[in-house]
Amino acid sequence: MDMTVGEVREALRRKIELRWSEHQAEMLRSPAAELFSRAGEIAAAQLCYEQLTEYLDCYAIEDLEYLLRFEDPLAVVCDQWASRQEFDPSHEFKEMLAELQDEQTLERDYPLDVDWTPERSGPFLC
């Protein structure tokens, strides 16, 4: 059956909204600690949901038709998006901490702990 562009978009939007409702219901049943541990996954799912409902006009109709073949196109896109977001931030975090210390400009933006005094025991080798 040939579908018009509008029909493809509407069919995908309905499918995505149904799966998003199910996803939200699952999240609401989860303990708060689990939600915190899954914050990245939840944010990625929210982004995918928004892209596939609010911005369908931005994507090629062939790509949207392809997604319609899946029972849960939201899960397909979310899983693929998440796999592209995986990286080890430890190097960037270490650089950021070093820059904070090197620049020492945050004292005017954040309150200082008046009871803390640095101990100068020698260089660290970490």
PDB file of N, CA and C in Angstrom:
ATOM      1  N   MET A   1       0.832  -1.176   0.000  1.00  0.00           N
ATOM      2  CA  MET A   1       0.000   0.000   0.000  1.00  0.00           C
ATOM      3  C   MET A   1       0.883   1.248   0.000  1.00  0.00           C
ATOM      4  N   ASP A   2       0.686   2.109  -0.956  1.00  0.00           N
ATOM      5  CA  ASP A   2       1.438   3.353  -1.024  1.00  0.00           C
ATOM      6  C   ASP A   2       0.791   4.387  -0.109  1.00  0.00           C
ATOM      7  N   MET A   3       1.644   5.011   0.702  1.00  0.00           N
ATOM      8  CA  MET A   3       1.175   6.037   1.627  1.00  0.00           C
ATOM      9  C   MET A   3       1.701   7.391   1.161  1.00  0.00           C
ATOM     10  N   THR A   4       0.925   8.414   1.420  1.00  0.00           N
ATOM     11  CA  THR A   4       1.404   9.755   1.120  1.00  0.00           C
ATOM     12  C   THR A   4       2.431  10.150   2.178  1.00  0.00           C
ATOM     13  N   VAL A   5       3.159  11.212   1.908  1.00  0.00           N
ATOM     14  CA  VAL A   5       4.149  11.710   2.859  1.00  0.00           C
ATOM     15  C   VAL A   5       3.480  12.022   4.186  1.00  0.00           C
ATOM     16  N   GLY A   6       2.344  12.681   4.129  1.00  0.00           N
ATOM     17  CA  GLY A   6       1.607  13.024   5.347  1.00  0.00           C
ATOM     18  C   GLY A   6       1.162  11.791   6.118  1.00  0.00           C
ATOM     19  N   GLU A   7       0.727  10.761   5.421  1.00  0.00           N
ATOM     20  CA  GLU A   7       0.288   9.520   6.073  1.00  0.00           C
ATOM     21  C   GLU A   7       1.458   8.807   6.742  1.00  0.00           C
ATOM     22  N   VAL A   8       2.612   8.810   6.094  1.00  0.00           N
ATOM     23  CA  VAL A   8       3.805   8.185   6.688  1.00  0.00           C
ATOM     24  C   VAL A   8       4.164   8.902   7.974  1.00  0.00           C
ATOM     25  N   ARG A   9       4.224  10.222   7.912  1.00  0.00           N
ATOM     26  CA  ARG A   9       4.580  10.998   9.107  1.00  0.00           C
ATOM     27  C   ARG A   9       3.575  10.788  10.236  1.00  0.00           C
ATOM     28  N   GLU A  10       2.302  10.787   9.898  1.00  0.00           N
ATOM     29  CA  GLU A  10       1.282  10.619  10.935  1.00  0.00           C
ATOM     30  C   GLU A  10       1.326   9.208  11.522  1.00  0.00           C
ATOM     31  N   ALA A  11       1.520   8.195  10.697  1.00  0.00           N
ATOM     32  CA  ALA A  11       1.608   6.818  11.194  1.00  0.00           C
ATOM     33  C   ALA A  11       2.799   6.660  12.130  1.00  0.00           C
ATOM     34  N   LEU A  12       3.935   7.238  11.758  1.00  0.00           N
ATOM     35  CA  LEU A  12       5.114   7.136  12.611  1.00  0.00           C
ATOM     36  C   LEU A  12       4.906   7.929  13.898  1.00  0.00           C
ATOM     37  N   ARG A  13       4.335   9.109  13.793  1.00  0.00           N
ATOM     38  CA  ARG A  13       4.081   9.927  14.978  1.00  0.00           C
ATOM     39  C   ARG A  13       3.191   9.167  15.970  1.00  0.00           C
ATOM     40  N   ARG A  14       2.133   8.530  15.479  1.00  0.00           N
ATOM     41  CA  ARG A  14       1.234   7.761  16.360  1.00  0.00           C
ATOM     42  C   ARG A  14       1.979   6.606  17.031  1.00  0.00           C
ATOM     43  N   LYS A  15       2.779   5.904  16.254  1.00  0.00           N
ATOM     44  CA  LYS A  15       3.535   4.772  16.787  1.00  0.00           C
ATOM     45  C   LYS A  15       4.526   5.236  17.857  1.00  0.00           C
ATOM     46  N   ILE A  16       5.210   6.325  17.587  1.00  0.00           N
ATOM     47  CA  ILE A  16       6.193   6.871  18.529  1.00  0.00           C
ATOM     48  C   ILE A  16       5.491   7.349  19.797  1.00  0.00           C
ATOM     49  N   GLU A  17       4.377   8.041  19.657  1.00  0.00           N
ATOM     50  CA  GLU A  17       3.663   8.544  20.836  1.00  0.00           C
ATOM     51  C   GLU A  17       3.146   7.405  21.706  1.00  0.00           C
ATOM     52  N   LEU A  18       2.687   6.324  21.094  1.00  0.00           N
ATOM     53  CA  LEU A  18       2.240   5.161  21.863  1.00  0.00           C
ATOM     54  C   LEU A  18       3.409   4.581  22.652  1.00  0.00           C
ATOM     55  N   ARG A  19       4.524   4.378  22.009  1.00  0.00           N
ATOM     56  CA  ARG A  19       5.693   3.813  22.697  1.00  0.00           C
ATOM     57  C   ARG A  19       6.224   4.762  23.758  1.00  0.00           C
ATOM     58  N   TRP A  20       6.160   6.065  23.499  1.00  0.00           N
ATOM     59  CA  TRP A  20       6.618   7.038  24.495  1.00  0.00           C
ATOM     60  C   TRP A  20       5.731   6.978  25.740  1.00  0.00           C
ATOM     61  N   SER A  21       4.434   6.843  25.552  1.00  0.00           N
ATOM     62  CA  SER A  21       3.511   6.710  26.697  1.00  0.00           C
ATOM     63  C   SER A  21       3.849   5.479  27.521  1.00  0.00           C
ATOM     64  N   GLU A  22       4.130   4.390  26.847  1.00  0.00           N
ATOM     65  CA  GLU A  22       4.517   3.163  27.546  1.00  0.00           C
ATOM     66  C   GLU A  22       5.835   3.356  28.286  1.00  0.00           C
ATOM     67  N   HIS A  23       6.783   4.028  27.652  1.00  0.00           N
ATOM     68  CA  HIS A  23       8.092   4.295  28.256  1.00  0.00           C
ATOM     69  C   HIS A  23       7.923   5.169  29.494  1.00  0.00           C
ATOM     70  N   GLN A  24       7.115   6.205  29.402  1.00  0.00           N
ATOM     71  CA  GLN A  24       6.880   7.082  30.548  1.00  0.00           C
ATOM     72  C   GLN A  24       6.238   6.322  31.704  1.00  0.00           C
ATOM     73  N   ALA A  25       5.271   5.484  31.401  1.00  0.00           N
ATOM     74  CA  ALA A  25       4.599   4.701  32.448  1.00  0.00           C
ATOM     75  C   ALA A  25       5.603   3.788  33.149  1.00  0.00           C
ATOM     76  N   GLU A  26       6.498   3.182  32.380  1.00  0.00           N
ATOM     77  CA  GLU A  26       7.541   2.329  32.962  1.00  0.00           C
ATOM     78  C   GLU A  26       8.440   3.143  33.889  1.00  0.00           C
ATOM     79  N   MET A  27       8.825   4.318  33.443  1.00  0.00           N
ATOM     80  CA  MET A  27       9.689   5.180  34.262  1.00  0.00           C
ATOM     81  C   MET A  27       8.998   5.577  35.564  1.00  0.00           C
ATOM     82  N   LEU A  28       7.731   5.880  35.502  1.00  0.00           N
ATOM     83  CA  LEU A  28       6.998   6.302  36.697  1.00  0.00           C
ATOM     84  C   LEU A  28       6.885   5.187  37.728  1.00  0.00           C
ATOM     85  N   ARG A  29       6.984   3.956  37.285  1.00  0.00           N
ATOM     86  CA  ARG A  29       6.951   2.817  38.213  1.00  0.00           C
ATOM     87  C   ARG A  29       8.324   2.521  38.805  1.00  0.00           C
ATOM     88  N   SER A  30       9.352   3.169  38.316  1.00  0.00           N
ATOM     89  CA  SER A  30      10.720   2.898  38.765  1.00  0.00           C
ATOM     90  C   SER A  30      11.041   3.665  40.040  1.00  0.00           C
ATOM     91  N   PRO A  31      11.876   3.076  40.900  1.00  0.00           N
ATOM     92  CA  PRO A  31      12.331   3.804  42.095  1.00  0.00           C
ATOM     93  C   PRO A  31      13.178   5.018  41.695  1.00  0.00           C
ATOM     94  N   ALA A  32      13.154   6.031  42.532  1.00  0.00           N
ATOM     95  CA  ALA A  32      13.877   7.265  42.242  1.00  0.00           C
ATOM     96  C   ALA A  32      15.364   7.013  41.993  1.00  0.00           C
ATOM     97  N   ALA A  33      15.974   6.141  42.782  1.00  0.00           N
ATOM     98  CA  ALA A  33      17.403   5.863  42.611  1.00  0.00           C
ATOM     99  C   ALA A  33      17.689   5.308  41.215  1.00  0.00           C
ATOM    100  N   GLU A  34      16.798   4.477  40.714  1.00  0.00           N
ATOM    101  CA  GLU A  34      16.979   3.925  39.370  1.00  0.00           C
ATOM    102  C   GLU A  34      16.854   5.022  38.317  1.00  0.00           C
ATOM    103  N   LEU A  35      15.923   5.940  38.528  1.00  0.00           N
ATOM    104  CA  LEU A  35      15.759   7.046  37.581  1.00  0.00           C
ATOM    105  C   LEU A  35      17.022   7.887  37.498  1.00  0.00           C
ATOM    106  N   PHE A  36      17.638   8.149  38.653  1.00  0.00           N
ATOM    107  CA  PHE A  36      18.883   8.914  38.647  1.00  0.00           C
ATOM    108  C   PHE A  36      19.974   8.174  37.886  1.00  0.00           C
ATOM    109  N   SER A  37      20.057   6.877  38.079  1.00  0.00           N
ATOM    110  CA  SER A  37      21.104   6.110  37.410  1.00  0.00           C
ATOM    111  C   SER A  37      20.856   6.001  35.902  1.00  0.00           C
ATOM    112  N   ARG A  38      19.612   6.209  35.488  1.00  0.00           N
ATOM    113  CA  ARG A  38      19.265   6.115  34.070  1.00  0.00           C
ATOM    114  C   ARG A  38      19.031   7.482  33.432  1.00  0.00           C
ATOM    115  N   ALA A  39      19.512   8.534  34.074  1.00  0.00           N
ATOM    116  CA  ALA A  39      19.255   9.894  33.602  1.00  0.00           C
ATOM    117  C   ALA A  39      19.728  10.107  32.160  1.00  0.00           C
ATOM    118  N   GLY A  40      20.896   9.605  31.825  1.00  0.00           N
ATOM    119  CA  GLY A  40      21.403   9.757  30.458  1.00  0.00           C
ATOM    120  C   GLY A  40      20.514   9.060  29.445  1.00  0.00           C
ATOM    121  N   GLU A  41      20.095   7.868  29.776  1.00  0.00           N
ATOM    122  CA  GLU A  41      19.211   7.108  28.899  1.00  0.00           C
ATOM    123  C   GLU A  41      17.874   7.826  28.719  1.00  0.00           C
ATOM    124  N   ILE A  42      17.357   8.371  29.810  1.00  0.00           N
ATOM    125  CA  ILE A  42      16.076   9.076  29.762  1.00  0.00           C
ATOM    126  C   ILE A  42      16.202  10.336  28.909  1.00  0.00           C
ATOM    127  N   ALA A  43      17.289  11.068  29.071  1.00  0.00           N
ATOM    128  CA  ALA A  43      17.505  12.278  28.267  1.00  0.00           C
ATOM    129  C   ALA A  43      17.623  11.934  26.782  1.00  0.00           C
ATOM    130  N   ALA A  44      18.319  10.853  26.478  1.00  0.00           N
ATOM    131  CA  ALA A  44      18.453  10.422  25.081  1.00  0.00           C
ATOM    132  C   ALA A  44      17.092  10.033  24.510  1.00  0.00           C
ATOM    133  N   ALA A  45      16.290   9.337  25.296  1.00  0.00           N
ATOM    134  CA  ALA A  45      14.957   8.939  24.844  1.00  0.00           C
ATOM    135  C   ALA A  45      14.082  10.168  24.604  1.00  0.00           C
ATOM    136  N   GLN A  46      14.177  11.151  25.475  1.00  0.00           N
ATOM    137  CA  GLN A  46      13.412  12.385  25.320  1.00  0.00           C
ATOM    138  C   GLN A  46      13.807  13.094  24.017  1.00  0.00           C
ATOM    139  N   LEU A  47      15.103  13.157  23.747  1.00  0.00           N
ATOM    140  CA  LEU A  47      15.575  13.781  22.516  1.00  0.00           C
ATOM    141  C   LEU A  47      15.036  13.041  21.294  1.00  0.00           C
ATOM    142  N   CYS A  48      15.120  11.730  21.311  1.00  0.00           N
ATOM    143  CA  CYS A  48      14.630  10.923  20.184  1.00  0.00           C
ATOM    144  C   CYS A  48      13.129  11.112  19.996  1.00  0.00           C
ATOM    145  N   TYR A  49      12.392  11.097  21.091  1.00  0.00           N
ATOM    146  CA  TYR A  49      10.943  11.309  21.021  1.00  0.00           C
ATOM    147  C   TYR A  49      10.632  12.653  20.383  1.00  0.00           C
ATOM    148  N   GLU A  50      11.294  13.702  20.845  1.00  0.00           N
ATOM    149  CA  GLU A  50      11.038  15.036  20.299  1.00  0.00           C
ATOM    150  C   GLU A  50      11.374  15.108  18.810  1.00  0.00           C
ATOM    151  N   GLN A  51      12.496  14.524  18.430  1.00  0.00           N
ATOM    152  CA  GLN A  51      12.886  14.550  17.023  1.00  0.00           C
ATOM    153  C   GLN A  51      11.870  13.816  16.151  1.00  0.00           C
ATOM    154  N   LEU A  52      11.331  12.716  16.662  1.00  0.00           N
ATOM    155  CA  LEU A  52      10.430  11.887  15.863  1.00  0.00           C
ATOM    156  C   LEU A  52       8.967  12.287  15.975  1.00  0.00           C
ATOM    157  N   THR A  53       8.674  13.323  16.736  1.00  0.00           N
ATOM    158  CA  THR A  53       7.293  13.812  16.792  1.00  0.00           C
ATOM    159  C   THR A  53       7.199  15.271  16.373  1.00  0.00           C
ATOM    160  N   GLU A  54       8.115  16.099  16.839  1.00  0.00           N
ATOM    161  CA  GLU A  54       8.034  17.533  16.563  1.00  0.00           C
ATOM    162  C   GLU A  54       8.770  17.942  15.295  1.00  0.00           C
ATOM    163  N   TYR A  55       9.722  17.144  14.850  1.00  0.00           N
ATOM    164  CA  TYR A  55      10.572  17.553  13.727  1.00  0.00           C
ATOM    165  C   TYR A  55      10.547  16.563  12.569  1.00  0.00           C
ATOM    166  N   LEU A  56       9.460  15.853  12.415  1.00  0.00           N
ATOM    167  CA  LEU A  56       9.384  14.860  11.348  1.00  0.00           C
ATOM    168  C   LEU A  56       9.571  15.468   9.962  1.00  0.00           C
ATOM    169  N   ASP A  57       9.198  16.721   9.794  1.00  0.00           N
ATOM    170  CA  ASP A  57       9.344  17.370   8.490  1.00  0.00           C
ATOM    171  C   ASP A  57      10.802  17.545   8.089  1.00  0.00           C
ATOM    172  N   CYS A  58      11.704  17.432   9.045  1.00  0.00           N
ATOM    173  CA  CYS A  58      13.136  17.642   8.770  1.00  0.00           C
ATOM    174  C   CYS A  58      13.815  16.404   8.184  1.00  0.00           C
ATOM    175  N   TYR A  59      13.155  15.273   8.207  1.00  0.00           N
ATOM    176  CA  TYR A  59      13.805  14.017   7.836  1.00  0.00           C
ATOM    177  C   TYR A  59      13.251  13.459   6.536  1.00  0.00           C
ATOM    178  N   ALA A  60      14.112  12.748   5.823  1.00  0.00           N
ATOM    179  CA  ALA A  60      13.730  12.151   4.540  1.00  0.00           C
ATOM    180  C   ALA A  60      12.619  11.140   4.748  1.00  0.00           C
ATOM    181  N   ILE A  61      11.657  11.171   3.863  1.00  0.00           N
ATOM    182  CA  ILE A  61      10.507  10.282   3.976  1.00  0.00           C
ATOM    183  C   ILE A  61      10.937   8.819   3.915  1.00  0.00           C
ATOM    184  N   GLU A  62      11.993   8.523   3.170  1.00  0.00           N
ATOM    185  CA  GLU A  62      12.489   7.141   3.073  1.00  0.00           C
ATOM    186  C   GLU A  62      12.979   6.652   4.440  1.00  0.00           C
ATOM    187  N   ASP A  63      13.615   7.552   5.192  1.00  0.00           N
ATOM    188  CA  ASP A  63      14.099   7.184   6.529  1.00  0.00           C
ATOM    189  C   ASP A  63      12.935   6.913   7.466  1.00  0.00           C
ATOM    190  N   LEU A  64      11.893   7.729   7.360  1.00  0.00           N
ATOM    191  CA  LEU A  64      10.717   7.551   8.218  1.00  0.00           C
ATOM    192  C   LEU A  64       9.951   6.277   7.842  1.00  0.00           C
ATOM    193  N   GLU A  65       9.843   5.998   6.555  1.00  0.00           N
ATOM    194  CA  GLU A  65       9.187   4.764   6.110  1.00  0.00           C
ATOM    195  C   GLU A  65       9.937   3.545   6.637  1.00  0.00           C
ATOM    196  N   TYR A  66      11.247   3.612   6.628  1.00  0.00           N
ATOM    197  CA  TYR A  66      12.053   2.506   7.134  1.00  0.00           C
ATOM    198  C   TYR A  66      11.724   2.237   8.607  1.00  0.00           C
ATOM    199  N   LEU A  67      11.601   3.295   9.394  1.00  0.00           N
ATOM    200  CA  LEU A  67      11.294   3.128  10.820  1.00  0.00           C
ATOM    201  C   LEU A  67       9.929   2.511  11.047  1.00  0.00           C
ATOM    202  N   LEU A  68       8.991   2.749  10.158  1.00  0.00           N
ATOM    203  CA  LEU A  68       7.636   2.211  10.324  1.00  0.00           C
ATOM    204  C   LEU A  68       7.601   0.684  10.318  1.00  0.00           C
ATOM    205  N   ARG A  69       8.596   0.044   9.742  1.00  0.00           N
ATOM    206  CA  ARG A  69       8.591  -1.421   9.685  1.00  0.00           C
ATOM    207  C   ARG A  69       8.813  -2.068  11.049  1.00  0.00           C
ATOM    208  N   PHE A  70       9.310  -1.290  12.015  1.00  0.00           N
ATOM    209  CA  PHE A  70       9.610  -1.829  13.338  1.00  0.00           C
ATOM    210  C   PHE A  70       8.423  -1.689  14.272  1.00  0.00           C
ATOM    211  N   GLU A  71       8.265  -2.690  15.133  1.00  0.00           N
ATOM    212  CA  GLU A  71       7.208  -2.651  16.138  1.00  0.00           C
ATOM    213  C   GLU A  71       7.396  -1.467  17.077  1.00  0.00           C
ATOM    214  N   ASP A  72       8.656  -1.217  17.464  1.00  0.00           N
ATOM    215  CA  ASP A  72       8.958  -0.114  18.371  1.00  0.00           C
ATOM    216  C   ASP A  72      10.066   0.753  17.776  1.00  0.00           C
ATOM    217  N   PRO A  73       9.707   1.633  16.854  1.00  0.00           N
ATOM    218  CA  PRO A  73      10.735   2.466  16.222  1.00  0.00           C
ATOM    219  C   PRO A  73      11.436   3.391  17.208  1.00  0.00           C
ATOM    220  N   LEU A  74      10.766   3.766  18.277  1.00  0.00           N
ATOM    221  CA  LEU A  74      11.405   4.618  19.283  1.00  0.00           C
ATOM    222  C   LEU A  74      12.577   3.889  19.934  1.00  0.00           C
ATOM    223  N   ALA A  75      12.385   2.628  20.290  1.00  0.00           N
ATOM    224  CA  ALA A  75      13.471   1.841  20.886  1.00  0.00           C
ATOM    225  C   ALA A  75      14.627   1.682  19.903  1.00  0.00           C
ATOM    226  N   VAL A  76      14.316   1.471  18.637  1.00  0.00           N
ATOM    227  CA  VAL A  76      15.354   1.318  17.611  1.00  0.00           C
ATOM    228  C   VAL A  76      16.219   2.571  17.562  1.00  0.00           C
ATOM    229  N   VAL A  77      15.571   3.727  17.460  1.00  0.00           N
ATOM    230  CA  VAL A  77      16.308   4.988  17.344  1.00  0.00           C
ATOM    231  C   VAL A  77      17.043   5.300  18.641  1.00  0.00           C
ATOM    232  N   CYS A  78      16.383   5.096  19.779  1.00  0.00           N
ATOM    233  CA  CYS A  78      17.022   5.377  21.073  1.00  0.00           C
ATOM    234  C   CYS A  78      18.278   4.524  21.269  1.00  0.00           C
ATOM    235  N   ASP A  79      18.179   3.243  20.971  1.00  0.00           N
ATOM    236  CA  ASP A  79      19.337   2.355  21.138  1.00  0.00           C
ATOM    237  C   ASP A  79      20.488   2.775  20.231  1.00  0.00           C
ATOM    238  N   GLN A  80      20.168   3.116  18.994  1.00  0.00           N
ATOM    239  CA  GLN A  80      21.215   3.517  18.057  1.00  0.00           C
ATOM    240  C   GLN A  80      21.817   4.860  18.455  1.00  0.00           C
ATOM    241  N   TRP A  81      20.983   5.792  18.914  1.00  0.00           N
ATOM    242  CA  TRP A  81      21.486   7.092  19.352  1.00  0.00           C
ATOM    243  C   TRP A  81      22.389   6.927  20.571  1.00  0.00           C
ATOM    244  N   ALA A  82      21.948   6.124  21.532  1.00  0.00           N
ATOM    245  CA  ALA A  82      22.743   5.906  22.743  1.00  0.00           C
ATOM    246  C   ALA A  82      24.095   5.292  22.405  1.00  0.00           C
ATOM    247  N   SER A  83      24.135   4.355  21.470  1.00  0.00           N
ATOM    248  CA  SER A  83      25.405   3.715  21.123  1.00  0.00           C
ATOM    249  C   SER A  83      26.376   4.713  20.497  1.00  0.00           C
ATOM    250  N   ARG A  84      25.858   5.770  19.890  1.00  0.00           N
ATOM    251  CA  ARG A  84      26.720   6.794  19.293  1.00  0.00           C
ATOM    252  C   ARG A  84      27.161   7.843  20.304  1.00  0.00           C
ATOM    253  N   GLN A  85      26.563   7.829  21.483  1.00  0.00           N
ATOM    254  CA  GLN A  85      26.888   8.829  22.497  1.00  0.00           C
ATOM    255  C   GLN A  85      27.905   8.328  23.520  1.00  0.00           C
ATOM    256  N   GLU A  86      28.238   7.047  23.458  1.00  0.00           N
ATOM    257  CA  GLU A  86      29.128   6.467  24.460  1.00  0.00           C
ATOM    258  C   GLU A  86      30.560   6.958  24.265  1.00  0.00           C
ATOM    259  N   PHE A  87      31.125   7.502  25.318  1.00  0.00           N
ATOM    260  CA  PHE A  87      32.514   7.910  25.311  1.00  0.00           C
ATOM    261  C   PHE A  87      32.994   7.955  26.757  1.00  0.00           C
ATOM    262  N   ASP A  88      34.280   7.936  26.922  1.00  0.00           N
ATOM    263  CA  ASP A  88      34.876   7.984  28.251  1.00  0.00           C
ATOM    264  C   ASP A  88      35.262   9.430  28.547  1.00  0.00           C
ATOM    265  N   PRO A  89      34.532  10.083  29.428  1.00  0.00           N
ATOM    266  CA  PRO A  89      34.794  11.501  29.690  1.00  0.00           C
ATOM    267  C   PRO A  89      35.936  11.758  30.667  1.00  0.00           C
ATOM    268  N   SER A  90      36.604  10.712  31.150  1.00  0.00           N
ATOM    269  CA  SER A  90      37.602  10.900  32.204  1.00  0.00           C
ATOM    270  C   SER A  90      38.732  11.845  31.784  1.00  0.00           C
ATOM    271  N   HIS A  91      39.182  11.761  30.540  1.00  0.00           N
ATOM    272  CA  HIS A  91      40.263  12.643  30.091  1.00  0.00           C
ATOM    273  C   HIS A  91      39.791  14.099  30.081  1.00  0.00           C
ATOM    274  N   GLU A  92      38.595  14.338  29.517  1.00  0.00           N
ATOM    275  CA  GLU A  92      38.065  15.698  29.476  1.00  0.00           C
ATOM    276  C   GLU A  92      37.822  16.237  30.877  1.00  0.00           C
ATOM    277  N   PHE A  93      37.364  15.378  31.785  1.00  0.00           N
ATOM    278  CA  PHE A  93      37.097  15.810  33.160  1.00  0.00           C
ATOM    279  C   PHE A  93      38.404  16.205  33.849  1.00  0.00           C
ATOM    280  N   LYS A  94      39.437  15.406  33.655  1.00  0.00           N
ATOM    281  CA  LYS A  94      40.736  15.701  34.252  1.00  0.00           C
ATOM    282  C   LYS A  94      41.280  17.028  33.725  1.00  0.00           C
ATOM    283  N   GLU A  95      41.142  17.265  32.413  1.00  0.00           N
ATOM    284  CA  GLU A  95      41.570  18.533  31.828  1.00  0.00           C
ATOM    285  C   GLU A  95      40.787  19.701  32.402  1.00  0.00           C
ATOM    286  N   MET A  96      39.482  19.531  32.564  1.00  0.00           N
ATOM    287  CA  MET A  96      38.641  20.587  33.104  1.00  0.00           C
ATOM    288  C   MET A  96      39.071  20.938  34.522  1.00  0.00           C
ATOM    289  N   LEU A  97      39.348  19.927  35.351  1.00  0.00           N
ATOM    290  CA  LEU A  97      39.788  20.192  36.726  1.00  0.00           C
ATOM    291  C   LEU A  97      41.115  20.939  36.740  1.00  0.00           C
ATOM    292  N   ALA A  98      42.039  20.548  35.879  1.00  0.00           N
ATOM    293  CA  ALA A  98      43.329  21.224  35.805  1.00  0.00           C
ATOM    294  C   ALA A  98      43.152  22.677  35.368  1.00  0.00           C
ATOM    295  N   GLU A  99      42.269  22.929  34.407  1.00  0.00           N
ATOM    296  CA  GLU A  99      42.005  24.296  33.959  1.00  0.00           C
ATOM    297  C   GLU A  99      41.397  25.144  35.077  1.00  0.00           C
ATOM    298  N   LEU A 100      40.497  24.557  35.847  1.00  0.00           N
ATOM    299  CA  LEU A 100      39.896  25.285  36.972  1.00  0.00           C
ATOM    300  C   LEU A 100      40.977  25.769  37.926  1.00  0.00           C
ATOM    301  N   GLN A 101      41.882  24.875  38.251  1.00  0.00           N
ATOM    302  CA  GLN A 101      42.942  25.205  39.198  1.00  0.00           C
ATOM    303  C   GLN A 101      43.910  26.204  38.578  1.00  0.00           C
ATOM    304  N   ASP A 102      44.254  26.027  37.316  1.00  0.00           N
ATOM    305  CA  ASP A 102      45.191  26.937  36.649  1.00  0.00           C
ATOM    306  C   ASP A 102      44.638  28.356  36.560  1.00  0.00           C
ATOM    307  N   GLU A 103      43.377  28.482  36.199  1.00  0.00           N
ATOM    308  CA  GLU A 103      42.780  29.797  35.990  1.00  0.00           C
ATOM    309  C   GLU A 103      42.424  30.491  37.306  1.00  0.00           C
ATOM    310  N   GLN A 104      41.970  29.728  38.271  1.00  0.00           N
ATOM    311  CA  GLN A 104      41.574  30.235  39.587  1.00  0.00           C
ATOM    312  C   GLN A 104      40.733  31.512  39.477  1.00  0.00           C
ATOM    313  N   THR A 105      39.712  31.465  38.663  1.00  0.00           N
ATOM    314  CA  THR A 105      38.833  32.623  38.490  1.00  0.00           C
ATOM    315  C   THR A 105      37.444  32.416  39.096  1.00  0.00           C
ATOM    316  N   LEU A 106      37.218  31.265  39.670  1.00  0.00           N
ATOM    317  CA  LEU A 106      35.871  30.957  40.160  1.00  0.00           C
ATOM    318  C   LEU A 106      35.584  31.499  41.555  1.00  0.00           C
ATOM    319  N   GLU A 107      36.615  31.995  42.225  1.00  0.00           N
ATOM    320  CA  GLU A 107      36.431  32.488  43.587  1.00  0.00           C
ATOM    321  C   GLU A 107      35.407  33.613  43.654  1.00  0.00           C
ATOM    322  N   ARG A 108      35.267  34.359  42.573  1.00  0.00           N
ATOM    323  CA  ARG A 108      34.294  35.460  42.578  1.00  0.00           C
ATOM    324  C   ARG A 108      32.877  34.983  42.243  1.00  0.00           C
ATOM    325  N   ASP A 109      32.754  33.767  41.707  1.00  0.00           N
ATOM    326  CA  ASP A 109      31.444  33.244  41.307  1.00  0.00           C
ATOM    327  C   ASP A 109      30.816  32.289  42.310  1.00  0.00           C
ATOM    328  N   TYR A 110      31.637  31.708  43.179  1.00  0.00           N
ATOM    329  CA  TYR A 110      31.151  30.709  44.124  1.00  0.00           C
ATOM    330  C   TYR A 110      31.640  31.049  45.524  1.00  0.00           C
ATOM    331  N   PRO A 111      30.786  30.831  46.540  1.00  0.00           N
ATOM    332  CA  PRO A 111      31.228  31.122  47.908  1.00  0.00           C
ATOM    333  C   PRO A 111      32.366  30.188  48.325  1.00  0.00           C
ATOM    334  N   LEU A 112      33.300  30.722  49.091  1.00  0.00           N
ATOM    335  CA  LEU A 112      34.439  29.944  49.566  1.00  0.00           C
ATOM    336  C   LEU A 112      34.141  29.387  50.950  1.00  0.00           C
ATOM    337  N   ASP A 113      34.741  28.268  51.261  1.00  0.00           N
ATOM    338  CA  ASP A 113      34.636  27.646  52.580  1.00  0.00           C
ATOM    339  C   ASP A 113      35.665  28.325  53.477  1.00  0.00           C
ATOM    340  N   VAL A 114      35.200  29.128  54.429  1.00  0.00           N
ATOM    341  CA  VAL A 114      36.112  29.912  55.273  1.00  0.00           C
ATOM    342  C   VAL A 114      36.900  29.029  56.237  1.00  0.00           C
ATOM    343  N   ASP A 115      36.441  27.812  56.492  1.00  0.00           N
ATOM    344  CA  ASP A 115      37.121  26.925  57.431  1.00  0.00           C
ATOM    345  C   ASP A 115      38.186  26.062  56.770  1.00  0.00           C
ATOM    346  N   TRP A 116      38.279  26.069  55.454  1.00  0.00           N
ATOM    347  CA  TRP A 116      39.236  25.208  54.755  1.00  0.00           C
ATOM    348  C   TRP A 116      40.543  25.950  54.535  1.00  0.00           C
ATOM    349  N   THR A 117      41.623  25.275  54.875  1.00  0.00           N
ATOM    350  CA  THR A 117      42.959  25.804  54.575  1.00  0.00           C
ATOM    351  C   THR A 117      43.751  24.684  53.925  1.00  0.00           C
ATOM    352  N   PRO A 118      44.406  24.967  52.816  1.00  0.00           N
ATOM    353  CA  PRO A 118      45.151  23.910  52.119  1.00  0.00           C
ATOM    354  C   PRO A 118      46.363  23.470  52.920  1.00  0.00           C
ATOM    355  N   GLU A 119      46.600  22.171  52.869  1.00  0.00           N
ATOM    356  CA  GLU A 119      47.799  21.621  53.496  1.00  0.00           C
ATOM    357  C   GLU A 119      48.865  21.498  52.423  1.00  0.00           C
ATOM    358  N   ARG A 120      50.001  22.057  52.661  1.00  0.00           N
ATOM    359  CA  ARG A 120      51.092  22.008  51.684  1.00  0.00           C
ATOM    360  C   ARG A 120      52.100  20.979  52.164  1.00  0.00           C
ATOM    361  N   SER A 121      51.943  19.734  51.703  1.00  0.00           N
ATOM    362  CA  SER A 121      52.830  18.672  52.154  1.00  0.00           C
ATOM    363  C   SER A 121      53.789  18.218  51.064  1.00  0.00           C
ATOM    364  N   GLY A 122      53.766  18.869  49.945  1.00  0.00           N
ATOM    365  CA  GLY A 122      54.648  18.469  48.855  1.00  0.00           C
ATOM    366  C   GLY A 122      53.871  18.117  47.611  1.00  0.00           C
ATOM    367  N   PRO A 123      54.577  17.821  46.536  1.00  0.00           N
ATOM    368  CA  PRO A 123      53.899  17.550  45.266  1.00  0.00           C
ATOM    369  C   PRO A 123      53.181  16.202  45.292  1.00  0.00           C
ATOM    370  N   PHE A 124      52.106  16.146  44.505  1.00  0.00           N
ATOM    371  CA  PHE A 124      51.358  14.909  44.340  1.00  0.00           C
ATOM    372  C   PHE A 124      51.806  14.250  43.042  1.00  0.00           C
ATOM    373  N   LEU A 125      51.873  12.946  43.031  1.00  0.00           N
ATOM    374  CA  LEU A 125      52.341  12.228  41.852  1.00  0.00           C
ATOM    375  C   LEU A 125      51.232  11.524  41.083  1.00  0.00           C
ATOM    376  N   CYS A 126      50.011  11.786  41.409  1.00  0.00           N
ATOM    377  CA  CYS A 126      48.891  11.114  40.765  1.00  0.00           C
ATOM    378  C   CYS A 126      48.762  11.462  39.317  1.00  0.00           C
TER     379      CYS A 126
END
